[in-house]
N, C-alpha and C. Protein backbone atom coordinates (compact mmCIF):
# COMPACT_ATOMS: atom_id res chain seq x y z
N MET A 1 -14.29 -4.41 -7.38
CA MET A 1 -13.18 -3.70 -6.31
C MET A 1 -12.09 -3.60 -5.65
N GLU A 2 -11.47 -3.67 -5.26
CA GLU A 2 -11.48 -4.42 -3.50
C GLU A 2 -11.31 -3.04 -2.71
N HIS A 3 -10.21 -3.95 -1.49
CA HIS A 3 -10.34 -2.92 -0.23
C HIS A 3 -9.83 -2.58 0.35
N ASN A 4 -8.85 -3.01 -0.61
CA ASN A 4 -7.44 -2.94 -0.12
C ASN A 4 -7.02 -2.40 1.30
N VAL A 5 -6.90 -0.98 0.90
CA VAL A 5 -6.76 0.21 2.25
C VAL A 5 -7.23 0.97 2.73
N THR A 6 -8.37 0.48 2.51
CA THR A 6 -8.90 0.35 4.07
C THR A 6 -9.29 -0.66 4.09
N GLU A 7 -8.72 -2.02 3.81
CA GLU A 7 -9.17 -3.05 5.26
C GLU A 7 -7.40 -2.45 6.31
N LEU A 8 -6.39 -1.94 5.51
CA LEU A 8 -5.27 -1.88 6.45
C LEU A 8 -5.57 -1.02 6.85
N ASN A 9 -6.04 0.32 6.50
CA ASN A 9 -6.48 1.53 7.41
C ASN A 9 -6.76 0.88 9.02
N ASN A 10 -8.48 -0.05 8.72
CA ASN A 10 -8.61 -0.13 9.47
C ASN A 10 -8.05 -1.05 10.66
N ALA A 11 -7.16 -2.34 9.95
CA ALA A 11 -5.94 -3.30 11.18
C ALA A 11 -4.95 -2.38 11.47
N SER A 12 -5.02 -1.23 10.55
CA SER A 12 -3.84 -0.88 11.14
C SER A 12 -4.10 0.84 12.96
N GLN A 13 -5.36 1.47 12.37
CA GLN A 13 -6.10 2.04 13.29
C GLN A 13 -6.38 0.51 14.88
N LYS A 14 -6.76 -0.18 14.42
CA LYS A 14 -7.56 -1.37 16.34
C LYS A 14 -6.59 -1.80 16.66
N ASN A 15 -4.34 -1.91 15.82
CA ASN A 15 -3.83 -2.61 16.09
C ASN A 15 -2.84 -1.50 17.00
N GLY A 16 -3.22 0.12 16.85
CA GLY A 16 -2.24 0.66 16.85
C GLY A 16 -0.18 1.18 16.04
N PHE A 17 -1.09 1.06 14.34
CA PHE A 17 -0.28 0.42 14.05
C PHE A 17 0.11 2.78 13.42
N LYS A 18 1.57 2.88 12.76
CA LYS A 18 1.18 4.24 11.88
C LYS A 18 1.48 3.14 10.33
N LEU A 19 0.12 3.58 9.67
CA LEU A 19 0.49 3.59 8.24
C LEU A 19 1.09 4.93 8.02
N SER A 20 2.20 4.62 6.80
CA SER A 20 1.66 5.55 5.37
C SER A 20 2.87 4.74 4.20
N TYR A 21 2.33 5.82 3.66
CA TYR A 21 2.36 5.55 1.65
C TYR A 21 3.54 6.66 1.73
N GLU A 22 4.35 6.32 0.52
CA GLU A 22 5.18 7.10 0.14
C GLU A 22 4.63 6.76 -1.67
N GLU A 23 4.40 7.81 -2.80
CA GLU A 23 3.80 7.82 -3.63
C GLU A 23 5.02 7.87 -5.09
N ALA A 24 5.37 7.79 -6.03
CA ALA A 24 5.70 8.17 -7.22
C ALA A 24 5.47 7.72 -8.28
N HIS A 25 4.99 8.43 -9.91
CA HIS A 25 4.70 8.59 -10.70
C HIS A 25 6.70 8.43 -11.78
N HIS A 26 6.81 7.16 -12.09
CA HIS A 26 8.23 7.61 -13.31
C HIS A 26 7.18 7.14 -14.81
N GLY A 27 8.03 8.18 -15.52
CA GLY A 27 7.65 8.00 -16.86
C GLY A 27 6.51 10.28 -17.33
N THR A 28 6.45 9.54 -18.24
CA THR A 28 6.13 11.06 -18.93
C THR A 28 3.88 10.51 -18.98
N GLN A 29 3.62 11.87 -18.49
CA GLN A 29 2.84 11.88 -18.18
C GLN A 29 1.85 11.14 -18.22
N HIS A 30 1.80 10.89 -20.34
CA HIS A 30 1.29 9.96 -20.81
C HIS A 30 0.73 8.05 -21.36
N SER A 31 2.34 8.68 -20.70
CA SER A 31 2.89 6.52 -20.87
C SER A 31 3.10 6.58 -19.45
N GLY A 32 3.66 6.56 -19.11
CA GLY A 32 3.74 6.66 -17.36
C GLY A 32 3.26 5.71 -16.31
N PHE A 33 4.11 5.33 -15.08
CA PHE A 33 3.11 3.84 -14.12
C PHE A 33 3.71 4.72 -13.07
N TRP A 34 2.56 4.31 -11.77
CA TRP A 34 2.82 4.73 -10.78
C TRP A 34 3.46 4.18 -9.42
N VAL A 35 4.47 4.36 -8.80
CA VAL A 35 4.48 2.91 -7.35
C VAL A 35 4.47 3.52 -6.43
N CYS A 36 3.21 2.77 -5.48
CA CYS A 36 3.64 3.32 -4.17
C CYS A 36 4.31 1.73 -2.32
N ILE A 37 4.70 2.86 -2.59
CA ILE A 37 5.55 2.02 -0.80
C ILE A 37 4.56 2.18 0.15
N ALA A 38 3.83 1.23 0.94
CA ALA A 38 3.33 1.61 2.91
C ALA A 38 4.58 0.70 3.44
N TYR A 39 4.23 1.67 4.47
CA TYR A 39 5.05 1.54 5.27
C TYR A 39 4.31 1.25 6.54
N ILE A 40 4.75 0.37 7.09
CA ILE A 40 3.35 0.50 8.66
C ILE A 40 4.74 0.29 10.19
N ASN A 41 4.73 1.49 11.08
CA ASN A 41 5.35 1.73 11.75
C ASN A 41 7.00 2.16 10.99
N ASP A 42 6.79 2.89 9.78
CA ASP A 42 8.64 3.16 9.44
C ASP A 42 9.10 1.97 8.55
N VAL A 43 8.48 0.65 8.94
CA VAL A 43 9.80 -0.28 7.56
C VAL A 43 8.55 -0.75 6.66
N GLN A 44 8.95 -0.65 5.67
CA GLN A 44 8.16 -1.28 4.70
C GLN A 44 7.66 -2.36 4.72
N TYR A 45 6.10 -2.24 4.16
CA TYR A 45 5.05 -3.81 4.32
C TYR A 45 4.77 -3.95 2.36
N GLY A 46 4.74 -3.71 1.90
CA GLY A 46 4.29 -3.72 0.11
C GLY A 46 4.09 -2.69 -0.40
N GLU A 47 4.79 -3.62 -1.73
CA GLU A 47 5.28 -2.24 -2.54
C GLU A 47 4.16 -2.92 -3.72
N GLY A 48 3.88 -1.75 -4.24
CA GLY A 48 2.63 -1.84 -5.60
C GLY A 48 3.41 -0.62 -6.70
N ARG A 49 2.59 -1.55 -7.84
CA ARG A 49 3.04 -0.39 -9.11
C ARG A 49 1.57 -0.96 -10.05
N GLY A 50 1.32 0.83 -10.69
CA GLY A 50 0.00 0.62 -11.23
C GLY A 50 0.11 2.51 -12.66
N ASN A 51 -0.85 1.85 -13.43
CA ASN A 51 -0.88 2.69 -14.00
C ASN A 51 -1.90 3.82 -13.64
N THR A 52 -2.13 3.62 -12.62
CA THR A 52 -2.99 4.41 -11.80
C THR A 52 -2.75 4.58 -10.63
N ARG A 53 -2.02 5.92 -9.99
CA ARG A 53 -2.17 5.85 -8.17
C ARG A 53 -2.70 5.41 -7.50
N SER A 54 -4.76 4.99 -8.08
CA SER A 54 -5.10 4.04 -6.54
C SER A 54 -4.60 2.74 -6.75
N GLU A 55 -4.28 2.14 -8.21
CA GLU A 55 -4.16 1.00 -8.56
C GLU A 55 -2.49 0.12 -7.72
N ALA A 56 -1.94 1.39 -7.28
CA ALA A 56 -0.88 1.33 -7.48
C ALA A 56 -1.04 1.36 -5.45
N LYS A 57 -1.01 2.19 -4.86
CA LYS A 57 -1.35 1.41 -3.74
C LYS A 57 -2.79 0.59 -3.14
N GLU A 58 -3.70 0.42 -4.09
CA GLU A 58 -3.88 -0.86 -3.08
C GLU A 58 -4.01 -1.99 -3.84
N GLU A 59 -2.58 -2.66 -4.27
CA GLU A 59 -1.95 -3.28 -4.33
C GLU A 59 -0.45 -3.02 -3.32
N ALA A 60 -0.09 -2.26 -2.52
CA ALA A 60 0.78 -2.16 -1.83
C ALA A 60 0.73 -2.45 -0.32
N ALA A 61 -1.12 -2.34 -0.77
CA ALA A 61 -1.79 -2.39 0.59
C ALA A 61 -1.81 -3.84 0.46
N ARG A 62 -3.21 -3.96 -0.41
CA ARG A 62 -2.95 -5.62 -0.37
C ARG A 62 -1.56 -6.25 0.16
N LYS A 63 -0.68 -6.04 -0.81
CA LYS A 63 1.08 -7.09 -0.25
C LYS A 63 1.10 -6.83 1.61
N ALA A 64 0.85 -5.66 1.52
CA ALA A 64 1.12 -5.02 2.66
C ALA A 64 0.02 -6.04 3.77
N LEU A 65 -1.52 -5.85 3.68
CA LEU A 65 -1.57 -7.23 4.34
C LEU A 65 -1.62 -8.76 4.56
N MET A 66 -1.21 -9.19 3.50
CA MET A 66 -0.78 -10.36 3.17
C MET A 66 0.53 -10.32 3.84
N LEU A 67 1.44 -9.22 4.25
CA LEU A 67 2.77 -9.81 5.28
C LEU A 67 2.09 -9.78 6.56
N LEU A 68 1.31 -8.69 6.73
CA LEU A 68 0.37 -8.72 7.90
C LEU A 68 0.31 -9.85 8.42
N ARG A 69 -1.50 -10.71 7.79
CA ARG A 69 -1.22 -12.08 8.35
C ARG A 69 -0.94 -12.92 8.62
N ALA A 70 0.35 -13.08 7.74
CA ALA A 70 1.40 -14.03 8.01
C ALA A 70 2.12 -13.39 9.37
N GLU A 71 2.09 -12.53 9.80
CA GLU A 71 3.01 -12.19 11.07
C GLU A 71 1.42 -12.98 12.00
N SER A 72 0.64 -12.68 12.24
CA SER A 72 -1.01 -12.84 13.02
C SER A 72 -1.27 -11.77 13.49
N ILE A 73 -1.05 -10.59 12.97
CA ILE A 73 -1.86 -9.78 13.65
C ILE A 73 -3.27 -9.89 13.99
């Protein structure tokens, strides 16, 4: 199990970033998908899609962490 959301939360607290997420469900209740966008200081850092809200949030957090690492936080 990945822990990207926790790692991103910890990095945000450590560095004083404002972290927020936007979550939306698309499609029908039984055949839809979730989209989640991670924002740091109101700038989009990662977007994830998944069958569940948590899958989408983990993916968004993973992408945001990759970008933060590339920026050498």
